[in-house]
Amino acid sequence: MTISRMGGNVDVTTPAWLYELLPFIYLAVGLVVFVSLNGALSVLSGALFFAAGVQVLLMRNRYRKAIRHPRRVPVRARR
């Protein structure tokens, strides 16, 4: 991703270790907030963090599975 700053462009990349760890951080933060804080807003926040972590893990899993095992499109019989 490129961010424009005061006449120059700066490339911003997330380190691979942080990129891979982020869904688990979301899950942990969600669980901690859900369990440790009282109140409707904290429960909602914890549930949303947890759901975001699960969603990111599922999306990455589906994408990586599609890359590893691409679907074969059958060739239709000629008429």
C-alpha atoms as a PDB file:
ATOM      1  CA  MET A   1       0.000   0.000   0.000  1.00  0.00           C
ATOM      2  CA  THR A   2       1.317   3.442  -0.846  1.00  0.00           C
ATOM      3  CA  ILE A   3       0.540   6.463   1.291  1.00  0.00           C
ATOM      4  CA  SER A   4       1.075   9.962  -0.063  1.00  0.00           C
ATOM      5  CA  ARG A   5       2.726  12.372   2.369  1.00  0.00           C
ATOM      6  CA  MET A   6       3.720  15.949   1.755  1.00  0.00           C
ATOM      7  CA  GLY A   7       4.798  15.528  -1.827  1.00  0.00           C
ATOM      8  CA  GLY A   8       6.308  12.046  -1.465  1.00  0.00           C
ATOM      9  CA  ASN A   9       5.002   8.497  -1.473  1.00  0.00           C
ATOM     10  CA  VAL A  10       5.808   6.087   1.337  1.00  0.00           C
ATOM     11  CA  ASP A  11       5.383   2.327   0.925  1.00  0.00           C
ATOM     12  CA  VAL A  12       3.782   0.738   3.975  1.00  0.00           C
ATOM     13  CA  THR A  13       3.899  -3.019   4.391  1.00  0.00           C
ATOM     14  CA  THR A  14       2.975  -5.201   7.321  1.00  0.00           C
ATOM     15  CA  PRO A  15       5.667  -7.677   8.381  1.00  0.00           C
ATOM     16  CA  ALA A  16       4.744 -11.276   7.544  1.00  0.00           C
ATOM     17  CA  TRP A  17       4.920 -12.415  11.168  1.00  0.00           C
ATOM     18  CA  LEU A  18       2.432  -9.722  12.214  1.00  0.00           C
ATOM     19  CA  TYR A  19       0.153 -10.418   9.253  1.00  0.00           C
ATOM     20  CA  GLU A  20      -0.045 -14.105  10.192  1.00  0.00           C
ATOM     21  CA  LEU A  21      -0.552 -13.327  13.891  1.00  0.00           C
ATOM     22  CA  LEU A  22      -3.310 -10.705  13.555  1.00  0.00           C
ATOM     23  CA  PRO A  23      -6.337 -13.063  13.482  1.00  0.00           C
ATOM     24  CA  PHE A  24      -5.126 -14.720  16.676  1.00  0.00           C
ATOM     25  CA  ILE A  25      -4.648 -11.314  18.285  1.00  0.00           C
ATOM     26  CA  TYR A  26      -8.245 -10.472  17.341  1.00  0.00           C
ATOM     27  CA  LEU A  27      -9.431 -13.737  18.892  1.00  0.00           C
ATOM     28  CA  ALA A  28      -7.444 -13.159  22.097  1.00  0.00           C
ATOM     29  CA  VAL A  29      -8.555  -9.543  22.472  1.00  0.00           C
ATOM     30  CA  GLY A  30     -12.154 -10.528  21.846  1.00  0.00           C
ATOM     31  CA  LEU A  31     -12.011 -13.290  24.423  1.00  0.00           C
ATOM     32  CA  VAL A  32     -10.332 -11.095  27.049  1.00  0.00           C
ATOM     33  CA  VAL A  33     -12.788  -8.227  26.541  1.00  0.00           C
ATOM     34  CA  PHE A  34     -15.781 -10.582  26.506  1.00  0.00           C
ATOM     35  CA  VAL A  35     -14.750 -12.333  29.733  1.00  0.00           C
ATOM     36  CA  SER A  36     -13.150  -9.571  31.788  1.00  0.00           C
ATOM     37  CA  LEU A  37     -15.379  -6.545  31.256  1.00  0.00           C
ATOM     38  CA  ASN A  38     -19.003  -6.181  32.297  1.00  0.00           C
ATOM     39  CA  GLY A  39     -21.596  -4.357  30.277  1.00  0.00           C
ATOM     40  CA  ALA A  40     -23.441  -4.716  27.033  1.00  0.00           C
ATOM     41  CA  LEU A  41     -20.992  -2.632  25.013  1.00  0.00           C
ATOM     42  CA  SER A  42     -17.969  -4.624  26.174  1.00  0.00           C
ATOM     43  CA  VAL A  43     -19.727  -7.916  25.413  1.00  0.00           C
ATOM     44  CA  LEU A  44     -20.594  -6.632  21.954  1.00  0.00           C
ATOM     45  CA  SER A  45     -17.027  -5.406  21.380  1.00  0.00           C
ATOM     46  CA  GLY A  46     -15.557  -8.710  22.495  1.00  0.00           C
ATOM     47  CA  ALA A  47     -17.928 -10.668  20.286  1.00  0.00           C
ATOM     48  CA  LEU A  48     -17.112  -8.468  17.283  1.00  0.00           C
ATOM     49  CA  PHE A  49     -13.353  -8.846  17.783  1.00  0.00           C
ATOM     50  CA  PHE A  50     -13.761 -12.606  18.106  1.00  0.00           C
ATOM     51  CA  ALA A  51     -15.979 -12.770  15.011  1.00  0.00           C
ATOM     52  CA  ALA A  52     -13.466 -10.695  13.044  1.00  0.00           C
ATOM     53  CA  GLY A  53     -10.681 -13.108  13.986  1.00  0.00           C
ATOM     54  CA  VAL A  54     -12.742 -16.114  12.917  1.00  0.00           C
ATOM     55  CA  GLN A  55     -13.742 -14.411   9.661  1.00  0.00           C
ATOM     56  CA  VAL A  56     -10.153 -13.531   8.751  1.00  0.00           C
ATOM     57  CA  LEU A  57      -9.005 -17.081   9.483  1.00  0.00           C
ATOM     58  CA  LEU A  58     -11.787 -18.540   7.336  1.00  0.00           C
ATOM     59  CA  MET A  59     -11.089 -16.160   4.454  1.00  0.00           C
ATOM     60  CA  ARG A  60      -7.368 -16.930   4.499  1.00  0.00           C
ATOM     61  CA  ASN A  61      -8.040 -20.661   4.686  1.00  0.00           C
ATOM     62  CA  ARG A  62     -10.396 -20.577   1.702  1.00  0.00           C
ATOM     63  CA  TYR A  63      -8.006 -18.467  -0.360  1.00  0.00           C
ATOM     64  CA  ARG A  64      -4.987 -20.638   0.406  1.00  0.00           C
ATOM     65  CA  LYS A  65      -6.939 -23.817  -0.293  1.00  0.00           C
ATOM     66  CA  ALA A  66      -8.024 -22.408  -3.668  1.00  0.00           C
ATOM     67  CA  ILE A  67      -4.412 -21.566  -4.483  1.00  0.00           C
ATOM     68  CA  ARG A  68      -3.169 -25.042  -3.499  1.00  0.00           C
ATOM     69  CA  HIS A  69      -5.967 -26.934  -5.249  1.00  0.00           C
ATOM     70  CA  PRO A  70      -7.313 -24.972  -8.206  1.00  0.00           C
ATOM     71  CA  ARG A  71     -10.546 -26.228  -9.689  1.00  0.00           C
ATOM     72  CA  ARG A  72     -10.350 -27.939 -13.008  1.00  0.00           C
ATOM     73  CA  VAL A  73     -12.880 -26.678 -15.457  1.00  0.00           C
ATOM     74  CA  PRO A  74     -14.104 -29.577 -17.580  1.00  0.00           C
ATOM     75  CA  VAL A  75     -13.883 -29.150 -21.316  1.00  0.00           C
ATOM     76  CA  ARG A  76     -17.333 -29.458 -22.845  1.00  0.00           C
ATOM     77  CA  ALA A  77     -17.845 -32.106 -25.471  1.00  0.00           C
ATOM     78  CA  ARG A  78     -18.009 -30.727 -28.975  1.00  0.00           C
ATOM     79  CA  ARG A  79     -21.291 -31.153 -30.788  1.00  0.00           C
END
